[in-house]
PDB file of N, CA and C in Angstrom:
ATOM      1  N   MET A   1    -103.967  -5.557 -59.881  1.00  0.00           N
ATOM      2  CA  MET A   1    -102.821  -6.443 -60.123  1.00  0.00           C
ATOM      3  C   MET A   1    -102.456  -7.589 -59.078  1.00  0.00           C
ATOM      4  N   ARG A   2    -102.566  -8.219 -61.365  1.00  0.00           N
ATOM      5  CA  ARG A   2    -102.262  -9.753 -60.288  1.00  0.00           C
ATOM      6  C   ARG A   2    -101.502  -9.973 -59.652  1.00  0.00           C
ATOM      7  N   SER A   3    -101.401 -11.306 -58.613  1.00  0.00           N
ATOM      8  CA  SER A   3    -100.251 -11.707 -58.228  1.00  0.00           C
ATOM      9  C   SER A   3     -99.030 -12.790 -58.615  1.00  0.00           C
ATOM     10  N   GLU A   4     -98.003 -12.764 -58.181  1.00  0.00           N
ATOM     11  CA  GLU A   4     -97.366 -13.226 -58.357  1.00  0.00           C
ATOM     12  C   GLU A   4     -97.556 -14.948 -59.243  1.00  0.00           C
ATOM     13  N   LYS A   5     -98.329 -15.264 -57.937  1.00  0.00           N
ATOM     14  CA  LYS A   5     -98.690 -17.002 -58.609  1.00  0.00           C
ATOM     15  C   LYS A   5    -100.120 -16.865 -59.825  1.00  0.00           C
ATOM     16  N   ASP A   6    -101.018 -15.672 -60.390  1.00  0.00           N
ATOM     17  CA  ASP A   6    -101.106 -15.985 -61.357  1.00  0.00           C
ATOM     18  C   ASP A   6    -100.240 -15.137 -62.408  1.00  0.00           C
ATOM     19  N   ILE A   7     -99.235 -14.771 -62.181  1.00  0.00           N
ATOM     20  CA  ILE A   7     -98.708 -13.915 -63.824  1.00  0.00           C
ATOM     21  C   ILE A   7     -97.671 -16.048 -63.798  1.00  0.00           C
ATOM     22  N   LYS A   8     -97.316 -16.722 -62.819  1.00  0.00           N
ATOM     23  CA  LYS A   8     -96.411 -17.532 -63.175  1.00  0.00           C
ATOM     24  C   LYS A   8     -97.139 -18.774 -63.848  1.00  0.00           C
ATOM     25  N   SER A   9     -98.598 -18.508 -63.378  1.00  0.00           N
ATOM     26  CA  SER A   9     -99.912 -19.577 -63.531  1.00  0.00           C
ATOM     27  C   SER A   9    -100.034 -19.086 -65.313  1.00  0.00           C
ATOM     28  N   GLN A  10    -100.247 -18.200 -65.836  1.00  0.00           N
ATOM     29  CA  GLN A  10    -100.586 -17.944 -66.542  1.00  0.00           C
ATOM     30  C   GLN A  10     -99.275 -17.934 -67.545  1.00  0.00           C
ATOM     31  N   GLY A  11     -97.908 -18.144 -67.521  1.00  0.00           N
ATOM     32  CA  GLY A  11     -97.088 -18.265 -67.997  1.00  0.00           C
ATOM     33  C   GLY A  11     -96.347 -19.650 -68.119  1.00  0.00           C
ATOM     34  N   SER A  12     -97.244 -20.620 -67.560  1.00  0.00           N
ATOM     35  CA  SER A  12     -96.789 -21.896 -68.118  1.00  0.00           C
ATOM     36  C   SER A  12     -97.483 -22.259 -69.229  1.00  0.00           C
ATOM     37  N   GLY A  13     -98.502 -21.465 -69.555  1.00  0.00           N
ATOM     38  CA  GLY A  13     -98.909 -22.556 -70.988  1.00  0.00           C
ATOM     39  C   GLY A  13     -98.614 -22.154 -71.764  1.00  0.00           C
ATOM     40  N   ASN A  14     -98.926 -21.966 -73.369  1.00  0.00           N
ATOM     41  CA  ASN A  14     -97.963 -21.943 -74.251  1.00  0.00           C
ATOM     42  C   ASN A  14     -98.091 -20.440 -74.873  1.00  0.00           C
ATOM     43  N   ASN A  15     -98.009 -19.499 -74.642  1.00  0.00           N
ATOM     44  CA  ASN A  15     -98.029 -18.358 -73.916  1.00  0.00           C
ATOM     45  C   ASN A  15     -96.422 -18.210 -75.218  1.00  0.00           C
ATOM     46  N   GLU A  16     -96.273 -17.198 -76.401  1.00  0.00           N
ATOM     47  CA  GLU A  16     -95.441 -17.003 -77.335  1.00  0.00           C
ATOM     48  C   GLU A  16     -94.906 -16.045 -76.528  1.00  0.00           C
ATOM     49  N   GLY A  17     -93.603 -16.339 -75.731  1.00  0.00           N
ATOM     50  CA  GLY A  17     -93.348 -15.247 -75.422  1.00  0.00           C
ATOM     51  C   GLY A  17     -92.528 -15.436 -73.628  1.00  0.00           C
ATOM     52  N   GLY A  18     -93.368 -16.101 -73.574  1.00  0.00           N
ATOM     53  CA  GLY A  18     -93.312 -17.089 -72.229  1.00  0.00           C
ATOM     54  C   GLY A  18     -93.479 -15.736 -71.120  1.00  0.00           C
ATOM     55  N   SER A  19     -92.599 -16.066 -70.515  1.00  0.00           N
ATOM     56  CA  SER A  19     -93.093 -15.224 -68.813  1.00  0.00           C
ATOM     57  C   SER A  19     -92.737 -13.718 -69.020  1.00  0.00           C
ATOM     58  N   HIS A  20     -91.833 -13.371 -69.967  1.00  0.00           N
ATOM     59  CA  HIS A  20     -90.815 -12.144 -70.479  1.00  0.00           C
ATOM     60  C   HIS A  20     -92.262 -10.935 -70.796  1.00  0.00           C
ATOM     61  N   ASN A  21     -93.080 -11.585 -71.597  1.00  0.00           N
ATOM     62  CA  ASN A  21     -93.914 -10.615 -72.153  1.00  0.00           C
ATOM     63  C   ASN A  21     -95.596 -10.708 -71.502  1.00  0.00           C
ATOM     64  N   ILE A  22     -95.357 -11.231 -70.262  1.00  0.00           N
ATOM     65  CA  ILE A  22     -96.361 -11.441 -69.930  1.00  0.00           C
ATOM     66  C   ILE A  22     -96.398 -10.435 -68.729  1.00  0.00           C
ATOM     67  N   LEU A  23     -95.063 -10.455 -68.062  1.00  0.00           N
ATOM     68  CA  LEU A  23     -94.694  -9.352 -66.847  1.00  0.00           C
ATOM     69  C   LEU A  23     -94.368  -7.984 -67.671  1.00  0.00           C
ATOM     70  N   ILE A  24     -94.207  -8.350 -68.996  1.00  0.00           N
ATOM     71  CA  ILE A  24     -93.840  -6.809 -69.601  1.00  0.00           C
ATOM     72  C   ILE A  24     -95.689  -6.118 -69.691  1.00  0.00           C
ATOM     73  N   ASN A  25     -96.499  -6.515 -70.198  1.00  0.00           N
ATOM     74  CA  ASN A  25     -98.272  -6.295 -70.196  1.00  0.00           C
ATOM     75  C   ASN A  25     -97.968  -6.179 -69.155  1.00  0.00           C
ATOM     76  N   GLU A  26     -97.907  -6.945 -68.492  1.00  0.00           N
ATOM     77  CA  GLU A  26     -98.613  -6.391 -66.677  1.00  0.00           C
ATOM     78  C   GLU A  26     -98.225  -4.741 -65.753  1.00  0.00           C
ATOM     79  N   ILE A  27     -96.786  -5.235 -66.719  1.00  0.00           N
ATOM     80  CA  ILE A  27     -96.574  -3.674 -66.058  1.00  0.00           C
ATOM     81  C   ILE A  27     -96.952  -2.234 -67.129  1.00  0.00           C
ATOM     82  N   ARG A  28     -97.237  -2.560 -68.250  1.00  0.00           N
ATOM     83  CA  ARG A  28     -97.940  -1.075 -69.448  1.00  0.00           C
ATOM     84  C   ARG A  28     -98.636  -1.243 -69.102  1.00  0.00           C
ATOM     85  N   GLU A  29    -100.322  -2.301 -68.269  1.00  0.00           N
ATOM     86  CA  GLU A  29    -101.099  -2.196 -68.362  1.00  0.00           C
ATOM     87  C   GLU A  29    -101.531  -1.179 -66.984  1.00  0.00           C
ATOM     88  N   GLN A  30    -100.483  -1.558 -65.531  1.00  0.00           N
ATOM     89  CA  GLN A  30    -100.208  -0.365 -64.771  1.00  0.00           C
ATOM     90  C   GLN A  30    -100.477   0.760 -64.794  1.00  0.00           C
ATOM     91  N   LEU A  31     -99.305   0.705 -65.547  1.00  0.00           N
ATOM     92  CA  LEU A  31     -98.469   2.243 -66.066  1.00  0.00           C
ATOM     93  C   LEU A  31     -99.676   3.089 -66.572  1.00  0.00           C
ATOM     94  N   ASP A  32    -100.786   2.253 -67.701  1.00  0.00           N
ATOM     95  CA  ASP A  32    -101.764   2.901 -68.772  1.00  0.00           C
ATOM     96  C   ASP A  32    -103.072   3.457 -67.644  1.00  0.00           C
ATOM     97  N   ILE A  33    -102.860   2.892 -66.139  1.00  0.00           N
ATOM     98  CA  ILE A  33    -104.090   3.439 -65.563  1.00  0.00           C
ATOM     99  C   ILE A  33    -103.654   4.958 -65.245  1.00  0.00           C
ATOM    100  N   VAL A  34    -102.122   4.997 -64.889  1.00  0.00           N
ATOM    101  CA  VAL A  34    -102.045   5.828 -64.325  1.00  0.00           C
ATOM    102  C   VAL A  34    -101.492   7.191 -65.299  1.00  0.00           C
ATOM    103  N   ASN A  35    -100.870   6.502 -66.477  1.00  0.00           N
ATOM    104  CA  ASN A  35    -100.568   7.646 -67.223  1.00  0.00           C
ATOM    105  C   ASN A  35    -100.320   6.895 -68.501  1.00  0.00           C
ATOM    106  N   PRO A  36    -101.412   7.181 -69.403  1.00  0.00           N
ATOM    107  CA  PRO A  36    -100.922   6.311 -70.631  1.00  0.00           C
ATOM    108  C   PRO A  36     -99.798   6.268 -71.936  1.00  0.00           C
ATOM    109  N   ALA A  37     -99.250   7.672 -71.999  1.00  0.00           N
ATOM    110  CA  ALA A  37     -98.265   8.067 -72.624  1.00  0.00           C
ATOM    111  C   ALA A  37     -97.039   7.316 -71.646  1.00  0.00           C
ATOM    112  N   ILE A  38     -96.998   7.363 -70.450  1.00  0.00           N
ATOM    113  CA  ILE A  38     -95.741   6.930 -69.499  1.00  0.00           C
ATOM    114  C   ILE A  38     -95.966   4.916 -70.125  1.00  0.00           C
ATOM    115  N   GLY A  39     -97.740   4.454 -70.263  1.00  0.00           N
ATOM    116  CA  GLY A  39     -97.129   3.655 -70.188  1.00  0.00           C
ATOM    117  C   GLY A  39     -96.849   2.834 -72.040  1.00  0.00           C
ATOM    118  N   ARG A  40     -97.333   4.296 -72.776  1.00  0.00           N
ATOM    119  CA  ARG A  40     -96.344   3.854 -74.324  1.00  0.00           C
ATOM    120  C   ARG A  40     -94.632   3.706 -74.330  1.00  0.00           C
ATOM    121  N   ARG A  41     -94.782   4.994 -73.741  1.00  0.00           N
ATOM    122  CA  ARG A  41     -92.939   5.165 -73.361  1.00  0.00           C
ATOM    123  C   ARG A  41     -92.490   3.673 -72.633  1.00  0.00           C
ATOM    124  N   PHE A  42     -92.925   3.252 -72.187  1.00  0.00           N
ATOM    125  CA  PHE A  42     -92.001   1.879 -71.129  1.00  0.00           C
ATOM    126  C   PHE A  42     -92.346   0.881 -72.391  1.00  0.00           C
ATOM    127  N   ASN A  43     -93.669   0.936 -72.775  1.00  0.00           N
ATOM    128  CA  ASN A  43     -93.337  -0.550 -74.219  1.00  0.00           C
ATOM    129  C   ASN A  43     -92.262   0.069 -75.187  1.00  0.00           C
ATOM    130  N   ASN A  44     -92.345   1.133 -75.639  1.00  0.00           N
ATOM    131  CA  ASN A  44     -91.474   1.387 -76.583  1.00  0.00           C
ATOM    132  C   ASN A  44     -89.735   0.898 -76.332  1.00  0.00           C
ATOM    133  N   ASP A  45     -89.898   2.110 -74.774  1.00  0.00           N
ATOM    134  CA  ASP A  45     -88.137   1.351 -74.577  1.00  0.00           C
ATOM    135  C   ASP A  45     -87.956  -0.192 -74.439  1.00  0.00           C
ATOM    136  N   ILE A  46     -88.451  -0.919 -73.964  1.00  0.00           N
ATOM    137  CA  ILE A  46     -88.478  -2.245 -73.440  1.00  0.00           C
ATOM    138  C   ILE A  46     -88.364  -2.500 -74.498  1.00  0.00           C
ATOM    139  N   GLN A  47     -89.259  -2.521 -76.090  1.00  0.00           N
ATOM    140  CA  GLN A  47     -89.106  -3.278 -76.993  1.00  0.00           C
ATOM    141  C   GLN A  47     -87.626  -2.639 -77.541  1.00  0.00           C
ATOM    142  N   GLN A  48     -87.740  -1.578 -77.332  1.00  0.00           N
ATOM    143  CA  GLN A  48     -86.254  -1.753 -78.458  1.00  0.00           C
ATOM    144  C   GLN A  48     -85.158  -1.985 -77.817  1.00  0.00           C
ATOM    145  N   LEU A  49     -85.045  -2.329 -76.263  1.00  0.00           N
ATOM    146  CA  LEU A  49     -83.716  -3.462 -75.429  1.00  0.00           C
ATOM    147  C   LEU A  49     -84.044  -4.462 -76.250  1.00  0.00           C
ATOM    148  N   LYS A  50     -84.935  -4.837 -76.090  1.00  0.00           N
ATOM    149  CA  LYS A  50     -85.470  -6.618 -76.493  1.00  0.00           C
ATOM    150  C   LYS A  50     -84.374  -6.916 -77.976  1.00  0.00           C
ATOM    151  N   GLY A  51     -84.906  -5.734 -78.767  1.00  0.00           N
ATOM    152  CA  GLY A  51     -84.434  -5.859 -79.983  1.00  0.00           C
ATOM    153  C   GLY A  51     -82.834  -5.987 -79.891  1.00  0.00           C
ATOM    154  N   MET A  52     -82.606  -5.145 -79.696  1.00  0.00           N
ATOM    155  CA  MET A  52     -80.793  -5.018 -79.107  1.00  0.00           C
ATOM    156  C   MET A  52     -80.546  -5.808 -78.831  1.00  0.00           C
ATOM    157  N   ARG A  53     -80.874  -6.542 -77.573  1.00  0.00           N
ATOM    158  CA  ARG A  53     -81.017  -7.703 -77.053  1.00  0.00           C
ATOM    159  C   ARG A  53     -80.628  -9.766 -78.092  1.00  0.00           C
ATOM    160  N   ILE A  54     -81.507  -9.401 -78.708  1.00  0.00           N
ATOM    161  CA  ILE A  54     -81.394 -10.683 -79.774  1.00  0.00           C
ATOM    162  C   ILE A  54     -80.597 -10.444 -80.871  1.00  0.00           C
ATOM    163  N   ARG A  55     -80.749  -8.432 -81.342  1.00  0.00           N
ATOM    164  CA  ARG A  55     -79.664  -8.620 -82.183  1.00  0.00           C
ATOM    165  C   ARG A  55     -78.133  -8.868 -82.418  1.00  0.00           C
ATOM    166  N   ALA A  56     -77.764  -8.248 -80.513  1.00  0.00           N
ATOM    167  CA  ALA A  56     -76.104  -8.833 -80.261  1.00  0.00           C
ATOM    168  C   ALA A  56     -75.889 -10.406 -79.867  1.00  0.00           C
ATOM    169  N   ASP A  57     -77.823 -11.277 -79.000  1.00  0.00           N
ATOM    170  CA  ASP A  57     -77.233 -12.522 -78.551  1.00  0.00           C
ATOM    171  C   ASP A  57     -77.589 -13.169 -79.734  1.00  0.00           C
ATOM    172  N   TYR A  58     -78.083 -13.322 -80.478  1.00  0.00           N
ATOM    173  CA  TYR A  58     -78.864 -14.528 -82.140  1.00  0.00           C
ATOM    174  C   TYR A  58     -77.872 -14.185 -83.347  1.00  0.00           C
ATOM    175  N   ARG A  59     -77.899 -12.817 -83.499  1.00  0.00           N
ATOM    176  CA  ARG A  59     -77.209 -12.748 -84.913  1.00  0.00           C
ATOM    177  C   ARG A  59     -75.761 -12.008 -85.273  1.00  0.00           C
ATOM    178  N   ASN A  60     -75.455 -12.598 -83.977  1.00  0.00           N
ATOM    179  CA  ASN A  60     -73.874 -12.234 -84.051  1.00  0.00           C
ATOM    180  C   ASN A  60     -73.174 -10.736 -84.604  1.00  0.00           C
ATOM    181  N   TYR A  61     -73.965 -10.124 -83.894  1.00  0.00           N
ATOM    182  CA  TYR A  61     -74.297  -8.510 -84.525  1.00  0.00           C
ATOM    183  C   TYR A  61     -73.493  -7.823 -82.787  1.00  0.00           C
ATOM    184  N   GLU A  62     -71.983  -6.851 -84.238  1.00  0.00           N
ATOM    185  CA  GLU A  62     -71.378  -6.136 -82.887  1.00  0.00           C
ATOM    186  C   GLU A  62     -71.959  -5.141 -82.903  1.00  0.00           C
ATOM    187  N   ILE A  63     -72.127  -4.736 -81.377  1.00  0.00           N
ATOM    188  CA  ILE A  63     -72.643  -3.197 -81.089  1.00  0.00           C
ATOM    189  C   ILE A  63     -72.056  -2.666 -81.043  1.00  0.00           C
ATOM    190  N   LYS A  64     -72.539  -0.877 -81.772  1.00  0.00           N
ATOM    191  CA  LYS A  64     -71.478  -0.195 -81.635  1.00  0.00           C
ATOM    192  C   LYS A  64     -71.281   1.043 -80.350  1.00  0.00           C
ATOM    193  N   LEU A  65     -70.231   1.726 -79.948  1.00  0.00           N
ATOM    194  CA  LEU A  65     -70.528   2.748 -79.038  1.00  0.00           C
ATOM    195  C   LEU A  65     -72.431   3.623 -78.972  1.00  0.00           C
ATOM    196  N   GLU A  66     -72.262   4.086 -79.955  1.00  0.00           N
ATOM    197  CA  GLU A  66     -73.690   5.039 -80.295  1.00  0.00           C
ATOM    198  C   GLU A  66     -74.685   3.887 -79.829  1.00  0.00           C
ATOM    199  N   GLU A  67     -75.170   2.933 -80.377  1.00  0.00           N
ATOM    200  CA  GLU A  67     -75.846   2.058 -79.644  1.00  0.00           C
ATOM    201  C   GLU A  67     -76.462   1.155 -78.375  1.00  0.00           C
ATOM    202  N   ALA A  68     -74.893   1.216 -77.561  1.00  0.00           N
ATOM    203  CA  ALA A  68     -74.452   0.790 -76.651  1.00  0.00           C
ATOM    204  C   ALA A  68     -75.030   1.810 -75.540  1.00  0.00           C
ATOM    205  N   GLN A  69     -74.415   3.203 -76.018  1.00  0.00           N
ATOM    206  CA  GLN A  69     -75.219   4.348 -75.338  1.00  0.00           C
ATOM    207  C   GLN A  69     -76.714   4.331 -75.628  1.00  0.00           C
ATOM    208  N   MET A  70     -77.373   4.108 -76.686  1.00  0.00           N
ATOM    209  CA  MET A  70     -78.757   4.433 -76.398  1.00  0.00           C
ATOM    210  C   MET A  70     -79.839   3.260 -75.724  1.00  0.00           C
ATOM    211  N   ALA A  71     -78.685   1.880 -75.452  1.00  0.00           N
ATOM    212  CA  ALA A  71     -79.778   0.447 -74.424  1.00  0.00           C
ATOM    213  C   ALA A  71     -79.055   1.459 -72.701  1.00  0.00           C
ATOM    214  N   LEU A  72     -78.104   2.019 -72.836  1.00  0.00           N
ATOM    215  CA  LEU A  72     -78.312   2.937 -71.583  1.00  0.00           C
ATOM    216  C   LEU A  72     -78.918   3.802 -71.107  1.00  0.00           C
ATOM    217  N   SER A  73     -79.151   4.631 -72.320  1.00  0.00           N
ATOM    218  CA  SER A  73     -80.214   5.249 -71.852  1.00  0.00           C
ATOM    219  C   SER A  73     -81.724   5.420 -71.985  1.00  0.00           C
ATOM    220  N   TYR A  74     -81.981   3.766 -73.038  1.00  0.00           N
ATOM    221  CA  TYR A  74     -83.288   3.087 -72.431  1.00  0.00           C
ATOM    222  C   TYR A  74     -83.231   2.876 -71.307  1.00  0.00           C
ATOM    223  N   SER A  75     -82.582   2.212 -70.974  1.00  0.00           N
ATOM    224  CA  SER A  75     -82.321   1.248 -69.192  1.00  0.00           C
ATOM    225  C   SER A  75     -82.583   2.485 -68.853  1.00  0.00           C
ATOM    226  N   LYS A  76     -81.909   3.112 -68.580  1.00  0.00           N
ATOM    227  CA  LYS A  76     -82.245   4.428 -67.214  1.00  0.00           C
ATOM    228  C   LYS A  76     -83.591   4.587 -66.991  1.00  0.00           C
ATOM    229  N   ASN A  77     -84.067   4.583 -68.421  1.00  0.00           N
ATOM    230  CA  ASN A  77     -85.291   5.733 -68.674  1.00  0.00           C
ATOM    231  C   ASN A  77     -86.383   4.988 -67.773  1.00  0.00           C
ATOM    232  N   LEU A  78     -86.324   3.361 -67.589  1.00  0.00           N
ATOM    233  CA  LEU A  78     -86.998   2.628 -67.515  1.00  0.00           C
ATOM    234  C   LEU A  78     -86.990   2.338 -65.794  1.00  0.00           C
ATOM    235  N   LEU A  79     -85.513   2.524 -65.579  1.00  0.00           N
ATOM    236  CA  LEU A  79     -85.341   2.169 -64.162  1.00  0.00           C
ATOM    237  C   LEU A  79     -86.028   3.022 -63.744  1.00  0.00           C
ATOM    238  N   THR A  80     -85.577   4.333 -64.090  1.00  0.00           N
ATOM    239  CA  THR A  80     -86.970   5.835 -63.571  1.00  0.00           C
ATOM    240  C   THR A  80     -88.278   5.569 -63.141  1.00  0.00           C
ATOM    241  N   VAL A  81     -88.428   5.288 -64.736  1.00  0.00           N
ATOM    242  CA  VAL A  81     -90.080   5.119 -64.793  1.00  0.00           C
ATOM    243  C   VAL A  81     -91.027   3.953 -63.663  1.00  0.00           C
ATOM    244  N   LEU A  82     -89.563   2.753 -63.522  1.00  0.00           N
ATOM    245  CA  LEU A  82     -90.313   1.914 -62.486  1.00  0.00           C
ATOM    246  C   LEU A  82     -90.204   2.532 -61.261  1.00  0.00           C
ATOM    247  N   LYS A  83     -89.127   3.047 -60.524  1.00  0.00           N
ATOM    248  CA  LYS A  83     -89.047   3.435 -59.421  1.00  0.00           C
ATOM    249  C   LYS A  83     -90.266   4.606 -58.846  1.00  0.00           C
ATOM    250  N   GLN A  84     -90.329   5.148 -59.551  1.00  0.00           N
ATOM    251  CA  GLN A  84     -91.333   5.995 -59.709  1.00  0.00           C
ATOM    252  C   GLN A  84     -92.686   6.244 -59.791  1.00  0.00           C
ATOM    253  N   ASN A  85     -92.982   4.714 -60.366  1.00  0.00           N
ATOM    254  CA  ASN A  85     -94.199   4.249 -60.327  1.00  0.00           C
ATOM    255  C   ASN A  85     -94.480   3.574 -59.509  1.00  0.00           C
ATOM    256  N   PHE A  86     -93.796   2.363 -59.118  1.00  0.00           N
ATOM    257  CA  PHE A  86     -93.697   1.024 -58.133  1.00  0.00           C
ATOM    258  C   PHE A  86     -93.748   0.724 -56.805  1.00  0.00           C
ATOM    259  N   ASN A  87     -92.834   2.553 -56.374  1.00  0.00           N
ATOM    260  CA  ASN A  87     -91.765   2.353 -55.150  1.00  0.00           C
ATOM    261  C   ASN A  87     -91.048   2.051 -54.892  1.00  0.00           C
ATOM    262  N   ILE A  88     -89.896   1.452 -56.203  1.00  0.00           N
ATOM    263  CA  ILE A  88     -89.240   0.604 -55.699  1.00  0.00           C
ATOM    264  C   ILE A  88     -88.001   1.482 -55.929  1.00  0.00           C
TER     265      ILE A  88
END
């Protein structure tokens, strides 16, 4: 696993998406080592949340109750995966 310093130095370049994408990719790579299905699920859930946040923050989009509940479900799934696989 790369160090925080390595990740930060990579993020300071001209990387589209910045440090968030670097961290997401690093987490996915680590999850893929343990179980590729978990890595794919993590990637899907995080991408869904990112899309929701972009719509809400930048497109003046009103979030409906069903979407908010989906976002909460994605978030809970992500927290569970992180806790189980990274001992946090």
